C-alpha atoms as a PDB file:
ATOM      1  CA  MET A   1      41.210  76.793 -16.849  1.00  0.00           C
ATOM      2  CA  SER A   2      44.705  76.789 -15.412  1.00  0.00           C
ATOM      3  CA  ILE A   3      47.627  74.419 -15.197  1.00  0.00           C
ATOM      4  CA  ARG A   4      49.752  74.442 -12.085  1.00  0.00           C
ATOM      5  CA  LYS A   5      52.110  72.315 -10.052  1.00  0.00           C
ATOM      6  CA  ILE A   6      50.416  69.594  -8.005  1.00  0.00           C
ATOM      7  CA  GLU A   7      50.468  70.270  -4.269  1.00  0.00           C
ATOM      8  CA  PRO A   8      50.286  67.662  -1.475  1.00  0.00           C
ATOM      9  CA  THR A   9      46.738  68.856  -0.707  1.00  0.00           C
ATOM     10  CA  ASP A  10      45.720  67.780  -4.251  1.00  0.00           C
ATOM     11  CA  LEU A  11      46.757  64.154  -3.870  1.00  0.00           C
ATOM     12  CA  ALA A  12      43.424  62.685  -2.755  1.00  0.00           C
ATOM     13  CA  ARG A  13      41.755  64.262  -5.823  1.00  0.00           C
ATOM     14  CA  VAL A  14      44.666  63.196  -8.073  1.00  0.00           C
ATOM     15  CA  ASN A  15      44.308  59.622  -6.818  1.00  0.00           C
ATOM     16  CA  SER A  16      40.553  59.723  -7.478  1.00  0.00           C
ATOM     17  CA  ILE A  17      41.021  60.978 -11.062  1.00  0.00           C
ATOM     18  CA  CYS A  18      43.615  58.314 -11.827  1.00  0.00           C
ATOM     19  CA  ILE A  19      41.628  55.443 -10.313  1.00  0.00           C
ATOM     20  CA  ASN A  20      38.316  56.484 -11.926  1.00  0.00           C
ATOM     21  CA  ALA A  21      39.838  56.923 -15.385  1.00  0.00           C
ATOM     22  CA  PHE A  22      41.876  53.710 -15.055  1.00  0.00           C
ATOM     23  CA  MET A  23      38.928  51.607 -13.864  1.00  0.00           C
ATOM     24  CA  GLY A  24      36.745  52.953 -16.672  1.00  0.00           C
ATOM     25  CA  THR A  25      39.157  52.377 -19.547  1.00  0.00           C
ATOM     26  CA  VAL A  26      42.177  50.245 -18.650  1.00  0.00           C
ATOM     27  CA  ALA A  27      41.317  47.834 -15.821  1.00  0.00           C
ATOM     28  CA  SER A  28      39.177  45.530 -17.961  1.00  0.00           C
ATOM     29  CA  THR A  29      42.247  44.758 -20.118  1.00  0.00           C
ATOM     30  CA  LEU A  30      44.398  43.650 -17.161  1.00  0.00           C
ATOM     31  CA  THR A  31      44.703  40.914 -14.561  1.00  0.00           C
ATOM     32  CA  GLU A  32      44.131  41.472 -10.853  1.00  0.00           C
ATOM     33  CA  GLU A  33      47.909  41.818 -10.497  1.00  0.00           C
ATOM     34  CA  GLY A  34      47.953  44.724 -12.956  1.00  0.00           C
ATOM     35  CA  ILE A  35      45.033  46.449 -11.250  1.00  0.00           C
ATOM     36  CA  GLU A  36      46.699  46.101  -7.848  1.00  0.00           C
ATOM     37  CA  THR A  37      50.009  47.381  -9.231  1.00  0.00           C
ATOM     38  CA  PHE A  38      48.307  50.456 -10.648  1.00  0.00           C
ATOM     39  CA  GLN A  39      46.371  51.131  -7.448  1.00  0.00           C
ATOM     40  CA  ASN A  40      49.675  51.166  -5.550  1.00  0.00           C
ATOM     41  CA  ILE A  41      51.338  53.469  -8.096  1.00  0.00           C
ATOM     42  CA  ALA A  42      48.359  55.867  -8.061  1.00  0.00           C
ATOM     43  CA  SER A  43      47.971  55.844  -4.277  1.00  0.00           C
ATOM     44  CA  VAL A  44      48.437  59.033  -2.278  1.00  0.00           C
ATOM     45  CA  ASP A  45      51.559  57.476  -0.738  1.00  0.00           C
ATOM     46  CA  GLY A  46      52.881  56.566  -4.192  1.00  0.00           C
ATOM     47  CA  PHE A  47      52.420  60.115  -5.446  1.00  0.00           C
ATOM     48  CA  THR A  48      53.919  61.535  -2.237  1.00  0.00           C
ATOM     49  CA  ASP A  49      57.062  59.426  -2.675  1.00  0.00           C
ATOM     50  CA  ARG A  50      57.419  60.468  -6.317  1.00  0.00           C
ATOM     51  CA  MET A  51      56.912  64.164  -5.466  1.00  0.00           C
ATOM     52  CA  GLU A  52      60.167  63.887  -3.515  1.00  0.00           C
ATOM     53  CA  ALA A  53      61.940  62.304  -6.506  1.00  0.00           C
ATOM     54  CA  ASP A  54      62.929  63.869  -9.823  1.00  0.00           C
ATOM     55  CA  ASN A  55      59.336  64.060 -11.067  1.00  0.00           C
ATOM     56  CA  GLU A  56      57.402  67.084 -12.305  1.00  0.00           C
ATOM     57  CA  MET A  57      53.652  66.857 -11.651  1.00  0.00           C
ATOM     58  CA  LEU A  58      51.101  69.265 -13.095  1.00  0.00           C
ATOM     59  CA  ALA A  59      47.359  69.601 -12.547  1.00  0.00           C
ATOM     60  CA  TYR A  60      44.758  70.959 -14.961  1.00  0.00           C
ATOM     61  CA  GLU A  61      42.100  72.921 -13.092  1.00  0.00           C
ATOM     62  CA  ASP A  62      38.682  73.779 -14.462  1.00  0.00           C
ATOM     63  CA  ASN A  63      36.503  76.074 -12.349  1.00  0.00           C
ATOM     64  CA  GLY A  64      38.731  75.440  -9.330  1.00  0.00           C
ATOM     65  CA  GLU A  65      38.587  71.652  -9.592  1.00  0.00           C
ATOM     66  CA  VAL A  66      41.496  69.439 -10.655  1.00  0.00           C
ATOM     67  CA  VAL A  67      40.292  67.403 -13.662  1.00  0.00           C
ATOM     68  CA  GLY A  68      43.582  66.179 -15.140  1.00  0.00           C
ATOM     69  CA  ILE A  69      47.150  65.368 -14.166  1.00  0.00           C
ATOM     70  CA  ILE A  70      50.471  64.679 -15.838  1.00  0.00           C
ATOM     71  CA  GLU A  71      53.684  63.382 -14.314  1.00  0.00           C
ATOM     72  CA  LEU A  72      57.077  63.660 -15.999  1.00  0.00           C
ATOM     73  CA  LYS A  73      59.824  61.430 -14.620  1.00  0.00           C
ATOM     74  CA  GLU A  74      63.459  62.538 -14.848  1.00  0.00           C
ATOM     75  CA  GLY A  75      62.573  65.159 -17.445  1.00  0.00           C
ATOM     76  CA  ARG A  76      62.067  62.557 -20.149  1.00  0.00           C
ATOM     77  CA  HIS A  77      59.297  60.001 -19.422  1.00  0.00           C
ATOM     78  CA  ILE A  78      55.567  60.551 -18.981  1.00  0.00           C
ATOM     79  CA  ALA A  79      54.782  58.350 -15.995  1.00  0.00           C
ATOM     80  CA  MET A  80      51.122  59.371 -15.671  1.00  0.00           C
ATOM     81  CA  LEU A  81      48.566  61.226 -17.759  1.00  0.00           C
ATOM     82  CA  PHE A  82      44.980  60.962 -16.609  1.00  0.00           C
ATOM     83  CA  VAL A  83      41.883  63.053 -17.184  1.00  0.00           C
ATOM     84  CA  SER A  84      38.648  62.786 -15.245  1.00  0.00           C
ATOM     85  CA  PRO A  85      36.149  60.789 -17.360  1.00  0.00           C
ATOM     86  CA  SER A  86      33.734  63.751 -17.487  1.00  0.00           C
ATOM     87  CA  SER A  87      36.489  66.008 -18.878  1.00  0.00           C
ATOM     88  CA  GLN A  88      37.887  63.657 -21.520  1.00  0.00           C
ATOM     89  CA  ASN A  89      37.890  64.581 -25.218  1.00  0.00           C
ATOM     90  CA  LYS A  90      37.944  68.291 -24.358  1.00  0.00           C
ATOM     91  CA  GLY A  91      41.639  69.056 -24.927  1.00  0.00           C
ATOM     92  CA  VAL A  92      42.758  68.555 -21.322  1.00  0.00           C
ATOM     93  CA  GLY A  93      45.307  65.850 -22.183  1.00  0.00           C
ATOM     94  CA  ARG A  94      46.747  67.848 -25.066  1.00  0.00           C
ATOM     95  CA  SER A  95      47.017  70.924 -22.817  1.00  0.00           C
ATOM     96  CA  LEU A  96      48.854  68.913 -20.173  1.00  0.00           C
ATOM     97  CA  ILE A  97      51.277  67.499 -22.758  1.00  0.00           C
ATOM     98  CA  SER A  98      51.976  71.045 -24.000  1.00  0.00           C
ATOM     99  CA  ALA A  99      52.456  72.306 -20.439  1.00  0.00           C
ATOM    100  CA  ILE A 100      54.981  69.613 -19.559  1.00  0.00           C
ATOM    101  CA  LEU A 101      57.193  70.196 -22.624  1.00  0.00           C
ATOM    102  CA  PRO A 102      59.163  73.092 -21.066  1.00  0.00           C
ATOM    103  CA  HIS A 103      60.165  70.674 -18.270  1.00  0.00           C
ATOM    104  CA  ALA A 104      61.624  68.121 -20.708  1.00  0.00           C
ATOM    105  CA  ARG A 105      65.383  67.718 -20.392  1.00  0.00           C
ATOM    106  CA  SER A 106      65.747  65.472 -23.410  1.00  0.00           C
ATOM    107  CA  ASN A 107      64.957  65.713 -27.104  1.00  0.00           C
ATOM    108  CA  LEU A 108      62.992  62.492 -26.763  1.00  0.00           C
ATOM    109  CA  LEU A 109      59.849  62.161 -24.642  1.00  0.00           C
ATOM    110  CA  THR A 110      58.830  58.580 -23.856  1.00  0.00           C
ATOM    111  CA  VAL A 111      55.754  56.885 -22.426  1.00  0.00           C
ATOM    112  CA  SER A 112      54.733  53.326 -21.637  1.00  0.00           C
ATOM    113  CA  ALA A 113      51.163  53.764 -22.846  1.00  0.00           C
ATOM    114  CA  SER A 114      48.329  51.564 -21.689  1.00  0.00           C
ATOM    115  CA  LEU A 115      46.915  49.721 -24.670  1.00  0.00           C
ATOM    116  CA  THR A 116      43.677  51.696 -24.509  1.00  0.00           C
ATOM    117  CA  SER A 117      45.536  55.038 -24.574  1.00  0.00           C
ATOM    118  CA  ILE A 118      47.577  54.382 -27.736  1.00  0.00           C
ATOM    119  CA  PRO A 119      45.173  56.329 -30.024  1.00  0.00           C
ATOM    120  CA  ALA A 120      45.378  59.387 -27.747  1.00  0.00           C
ATOM    121  CA  TYR A 121      49.176  59.332 -27.688  1.00  0.00           C
ATOM    122  CA  LEU A 122      49.312  58.882 -31.464  1.00  0.00           C
ATOM    123  CA  ASN A 123      47.062  61.938 -31.689  1.00  0.00           C
ATOM    124  CA  TYR A 124      49.505  63.885 -29.451  1.00  0.00           C
ATOM    125  CA  GLY A 125      52.365  63.063 -31.851  1.00  0.00           C
ATOM    126  CA  PHE A 126      53.909  59.975 -30.268  1.00  0.00           C
ATOM    127  CA  LYS A 127      54.981  56.927 -32.287  1.00  0.00           C
ATOM    128  CA  CYS A 128      55.043  53.259 -31.269  1.00  0.00           C
ATOM    129  CA  THR A 129      58.639  52.125 -30.767  1.00  0.00           C
ATOM    130  CA  GLY A 130      58.613  48.454 -29.952  1.00  0.00           C
ATOM    131  CA  GLU A 131      56.610  45.456 -28.969  1.00  0.00           C
ATOM    132  CA  VAL A 132      53.877  45.482 -26.333  1.00  0.00           C
ATOM    133  CA  GLY A 133      55.365  44.663 -22.945  1.00  0.00           C
ATOM    134  CA  GLU A 134      54.132  43.682 -19.520  1.00  0.00           C
ATOM    135  CA  SER A 135      55.478  44.520 -16.078  1.00  0.00           C
ATOM    136  CA  ALA A 136      53.850  43.561 -12.773  1.00  0.00           C
ATOM    137  CA  GLY A 137      50.632  42.827 -14.660  1.00  0.00           C
ATOM    138  CA  LEU A 138      50.551  46.182 -16.478  1.00  0.00           C
ATOM    139  CA  LYS A 139      50.474  45.870 -20.276  1.00  0.00           C
ATOM    140  CA  TYR A 140      51.998  48.766 -22.182  1.00  0.00           C
ATOM    141  CA  GLN A 141      53.100  49.992 -25.591  1.00  0.00           C
ATOM    142  CA  PRO A 142      56.461  51.798 -25.634  1.00  0.00           C
ATOM    143  CA  MET A 143      56.049  55.126 -27.443  1.00  0.00           C
ATOM    144  CA  GLU A 144      58.142  58.207 -27.996  1.00  0.00           C
ATOM    145  CA  MET A 145      57.939  61.689 -29.411  1.00  0.00           C
ATOM    146  CA  GLU A 146      60.906  63.632 -30.734  1.00  0.00           C
ATOM    147  CA  LEU A 147      60.960  67.187 -29.489  1.00  0.00           C
ATOM    148  CA  ASN A 148      62.396  70.096 -31.377  1.00  0.00           C
ATOM    149  CA  LYS A 149      62.846  73.743 -30.557  1.00  0.00           C
ATOM    150  CA  SER A 150      59.600  74.743 -32.284  1.00  0.00           C
ATOM    151  CA  MET A 151      57.599  72.415 -30.004  1.00  0.00           C
ATOM    152  CA  GLN A 152      59.086  73.692 -26.749  1.00  0.00           C
ATOM    153  CA  PRO A 153      57.719  77.102 -25.744  1.00  0.00           C
ATOM    154  CA  THR A 154      60.231  79.688 -24.653  1.00  0.00           C
ATOM    155  CA  ALA A 155      60.129  81.048 -21.139  1.00  0.00           C
ATOM    156  CA  GLU A 156      58.579  84.260 -22.461  1.00  0.00           C
ATOM    157  CA  ALA A 157      55.858  82.413 -24.374  1.00  0.00           C
ATOM    158  CA  SER A 158      54.963  80.168 -21.440  1.00  0.00           C
ATOM    159  CA  ALA A 159      54.648  83.157 -19.102  1.00  0.00           C
ATOM    160  CA  ASP A 160      51.622  84.473 -21.033  1.00  0.00           C
END
């Protein structure tokens, strides 16, 4: 197991993980518009564009294969967190959340969680912070987690 920065050569696999997890758990709760919106966001081109923006993207590798991804936008908002269906409920998501914390540039980490992912985010320490919203067919629950110094590993600790 290792967590590393996503490289352009990973993007086809990253797209596959996102689409497979999304179609298996989220798509059935959305309209065609929402599904199409997500497919565009999770496309290789979409990820490529965001790699050039102020986004940190990490991959979780197991036996040399990427099985999970996380994307942090502007050091404060989790834009994507997906785990391959066969690797879910094995701590991959929690590991990715922990790995992204040193990249946070705010004391508040936010996410617009899909309705099916709310229990996972609650388990990670997030709290619901408003009413369910919808944008371009995507339904989401605003959530946030307050960060403190004890939650953010030091540079020495994260080098181990």
